Amino acid sequence: MSMLPERPDLSGLDADIVDYIEALEAALDEAETSGSGRAPRAETALEPSEPPTTMNIISISRDGMAKRTPRHLYFRQRRGGMGVFDIETPEDDPPAFLAAADESA
């Protein structure tokens, strides 16, 4: 049973493009029915590693973009962890400053 949405009218497109779309649809349909040989990845809800607090972590990029994240949303990590992706900035604007602040102060 395919999960493909209803396809729009493709009659105005070049035949090569229609063939490509049909090949992609067939590959998707096969992957859905065969399971592609991989076990499904377990989806687990991330739970904060600490109870909620009034502490916040403030990230500021080199160009001045800022983001405030509640401290309890940062997770404990084992060695080699990637850390929390707290602020999404362009590659040429890395995080430059990190501070902890208490809302109740």
C-alpha atoms as a PDB file:
ATOM      1  CA  MET A   1       0.000   0.000   0.000  1.00  0.00           C
ATOM      2  CA  SER A   2       1.765   3.104  -1.215  1.00  0.00           C
ATOM      3  CA  MET A   3       1.761   6.307   0.800  1.00  0.00           C
ATOM      4  CA  LEU A   4       2.283   8.427  -2.322  1.00  0.00           C
ATOM      5  CA  PRO A   5       0.110  11.521  -2.582  1.00  0.00           C
ATOM      6  CA  GLU A   6      -2.143  11.967  -5.576  1.00  0.00           C
ATOM      7  CA  ARG A   7       0.059  12.971  -8.482  1.00  0.00           C
ATOM      8  CA  PRO A   8      -0.630  16.270 -10.286  1.00  0.00           C
ATOM      9  CA  ASP A   9      -1.119  16.359 -14.046  1.00  0.00           C
ATOM     10  CA  LEU A  10       2.272  15.712 -15.668  1.00  0.00           C
ATOM     11  CA  SER A  11       1.119  15.947 -19.276  1.00  0.00           C
ATOM     12  CA  GLY A  12       2.916  19.262 -19.822  1.00  0.00           C
ATOM     13  CA  LEU A  13       6.302  17.907 -18.747  1.00  0.00           C
ATOM     14  CA  ASP A  14       9.081  16.481 -20.881  1.00  0.00           C
ATOM     15  CA  ALA A  15       8.937  12.659 -21.200  1.00  0.00           C
ATOM     16  CA  ASP A  16      12.367  12.292 -19.534  1.00  0.00           C
ATOM     17  CA  ILE A  17      11.122  14.123 -16.460  1.00  0.00           C
ATOM     18  CA  VAL A  18       7.972  11.985 -16.275  1.00  0.00           C
ATOM     19  CA  ASP A  19      10.114   8.829 -16.589  1.00  0.00           C
ATOM     20  CA  TYR A  20      12.335  10.058 -13.762  1.00  0.00           C
ATOM     21  CA  ILE A  21       9.334  10.798 -11.518  1.00  0.00           C
ATOM     22  CA  GLU A  22       7.896   7.343 -12.235  1.00  0.00           C
ATOM     23  CA  ALA A  23      11.246   5.699 -11.419  1.00  0.00           C
ATOM     24  CA  LEU A  24      11.388   7.571  -8.104  1.00  0.00           C
ATOM     25  CA  GLU A  25       7.810   6.553  -7.290  1.00  0.00           C
ATOM     26  CA  ALA A  26       8.604   2.904  -8.085  1.00  0.00           C
ATOM     27  CA  ALA A  27      11.740   2.982  -5.905  1.00  0.00           C
ATOM     28  CA  LEU A  28       9.806   4.560  -3.049  1.00  0.00           C
ATOM     29  CA  ASP A  29       7.004   2.019  -3.372  1.00  0.00           C
ATOM     30  CA  GLU A  30       9.521  -0.851  -3.331  1.00  0.00           C
ATOM     31  CA  ALA A  31      11.316   0.583  -0.306  1.00  0.00           C
ATOM     32  CA  GLU A  32       7.999   0.875   1.544  1.00  0.00           C
ATOM     33  CA  THR A  33       6.975  -2.714   0.779  1.00  0.00           C
ATOM     34  CA  SER A  34      10.351  -4.406   1.236  1.00  0.00           C
ATOM     35  CA  GLY A  35      11.492  -2.440   4.243  1.00  0.00           C
ATOM     36  CA  SER A  36      14.835  -1.942   2.427  1.00  0.00           C
ATOM     37  CA  GLY A  37      16.480  -4.572   4.634  1.00  0.00           C
ATOM     38  CA  ARG A  38      17.055  -2.191   7.522  1.00  0.00           C
ATOM     39  CA  ALA A  39      15.447  -2.364  10.910  1.00  0.00           C
ATOM     40  CA  PRO A  40      13.279   0.657  11.669  1.00  0.00           C
ATOM     41  CA  ARG A  41      15.001   3.201  13.857  1.00  0.00           C
ATOM     42  CA  ALA A  42      13.512   3.433  17.318  1.00  0.00           C
ATOM     43  CA  GLU A  43      11.824   6.761  17.872  1.00  0.00           C
ATOM     44  CA  THR A  44      12.154   7.752  21.494  1.00  0.00           C
ATOM     45  CA  ALA A  45      10.993  10.976  23.021  1.00  0.00           C
ATOM     46  CA  LEU A  46      13.853  12.948  24.483  1.00  0.00           C
ATOM     47  CA  GLU A  47      13.350  13.658  28.131  1.00  0.00           C
ATOM     48  CA  PRO A  48      15.273  16.413  29.882  1.00  0.00           C
ATOM     49  CA  SER A  49      18.089  15.044  32.055  1.00  0.00           C
ATOM     50  CA  GLU A  50      17.235  17.507  34.827  1.00  0.00           C
ATOM     51  CA  PRO A  51      14.012  18.902  36.281  1.00  0.00           C
ATOM     52  CA  PRO A  52      12.942  22.329  34.955  1.00  0.00           C
ATOM     53  CA  THR A  53      14.818  25.274  36.448  1.00  0.00           C
ATOM     54  CA  THR A  54      14.922  29.029  35.971  1.00  0.00           C
ATOM     55  CA  MET A  55      18.470  28.760  34.580  1.00  0.00           C
ATOM     56  CA  ASN A  56      18.975  29.528  30.889  1.00  0.00           C
ATOM     57  CA  ILE A  57      21.924  29.088  28.553  1.00  0.00           C
ATOM     58  CA  ILE A  58      22.426  32.019  26.196  1.00  0.00           C
ATOM     59  CA  SER A  59      24.320  31.392  22.954  1.00  0.00           C
ATOM     60  CA  ILE A  60      25.520  34.317  20.849  1.00  0.00           C
ATOM     61  CA  SER A  61      27.113  33.924  17.435  1.00  0.00           C
ATOM     62  CA  ARG A  62      30.055  35.958  16.149  1.00  0.00           C
ATOM     63  CA  ASP A  63      27.652  38.088  14.083  1.00  0.00           C
ATOM     64  CA  GLY A  64      25.306  38.689  17.030  1.00  0.00           C
ATOM     65  CA  MET A  65      22.557  36.084  16.578  1.00  0.00           C
ATOM     66  CA  ALA A  66      21.365  35.023  20.038  1.00  0.00           C
ATOM     67  CA  LYS A  67      19.266  32.205  21.452  1.00  0.00           C
ATOM     68  CA  ARG A  68      18.104  31.429  24.975  1.00  0.00           C
ATOM     69  CA  THR A  69      17.587  27.770  25.927  1.00  0.00           C
ATOM     70  CA  PRO A  70      16.350  26.503  29.304  1.00  0.00           C
ATOM     71  CA  ARG A  71      19.173  24.681  31.120  1.00  0.00           C
ATOM     72  CA  HIS A  72      17.134  21.528  31.686  1.00  0.00           C
ATOM     73  CA  LEU A  73      16.880  20.956  27.919  1.00  0.00           C
ATOM     74  CA  TYR A  74      20.619  20.249  27.726  1.00  0.00           C
ATOM     75  CA  PHE A  75      21.267  16.523  28.044  1.00  0.00           C
ATOM     76  CA  ARG A  76      24.039  14.620  29.781  1.00  0.00           C
ATOM     77  CA  GLN A  77      26.305  13.013  27.227  1.00  0.00           C
ATOM     78  CA  ARG A  78      28.866  10.293  27.078  1.00  0.00           C
ATOM     79  CA  ARG A  79      32.341  10.885  25.726  1.00  0.00           C
ATOM     80  CA  GLY A  80      32.316  11.812  22.071  1.00  0.00           C
ATOM     81  CA  GLY A  81      28.854  13.386  22.058  1.00  0.00           C
ATOM     82  CA  MET A  82      28.044  16.122  19.577  1.00  0.00           C
ATOM     83  CA  GLY A  83      26.504  18.377  22.196  1.00  0.00           C
ATOM     84  CA  VAL A  84      23.271  20.291  21.935  1.00  0.00           C
ATOM     85  CA  PHE A  85      22.620  22.008  18.629  1.00  0.00           C
ATOM     86  CA  ASP A  86      21.347  25.120  20.325  1.00  0.00           C
ATOM     87  CA  ILE A  87      21.686  27.788  17.670  1.00  0.00           C
ATOM     88  CA  GLU A  88      21.580  27.316  13.932  1.00  0.00           C
ATOM     89  CA  THR A  89      23.832  29.794  12.182  1.00  0.00           C
ATOM     90  CA  PRO A  90      25.566  29.860   8.820  1.00  0.00           C
ATOM     91  CA  GLU A  91      28.895  28.031   8.746  1.00  0.00           C
ATOM     92  CA  ASP A  92      30.756  31.358   8.576  1.00  0.00           C
ATOM     93  CA  ASP A  93      29.001  32.614  11.769  1.00  0.00           C
ATOM     94  CA  PRO A  94      30.071  30.211  14.549  1.00  0.00           C
ATOM     95  CA  PRO A  95      28.883  30.472  18.162  1.00  0.00           C
ATOM     96  CA  ALA A  96      31.270  32.852  19.929  1.00  0.00           C
ATOM     97  CA  PHE A  97      29.828  33.410  23.403  1.00  0.00           C
ATOM     98  CA  LEU A  98      28.005  31.216  25.906  1.00  0.00           C
ATOM     99  CA  ALA A  99      26.548  32.388  29.212  1.00  0.00           C
ATOM    100  CA  ALA A 100      24.310  31.044  31.952  1.00  0.00           C
ATOM    101  CA  ALA A 101      21.607  33.314  33.341  1.00  0.00           C
ATOM    102  CA  ASP A 102      18.959  32.853  36.009  1.00  0.00           C
ATOM    103  CA  GLU A 103      15.487  34.224  35.177  1.00  0.00           C
ATOM    104  CA  SER A 104      14.699  34.749  38.850  1.00  0.00           C
ATOM    105  CA  ALA A 105      17.748  36.954  39.543  1.00  0.00           C
END
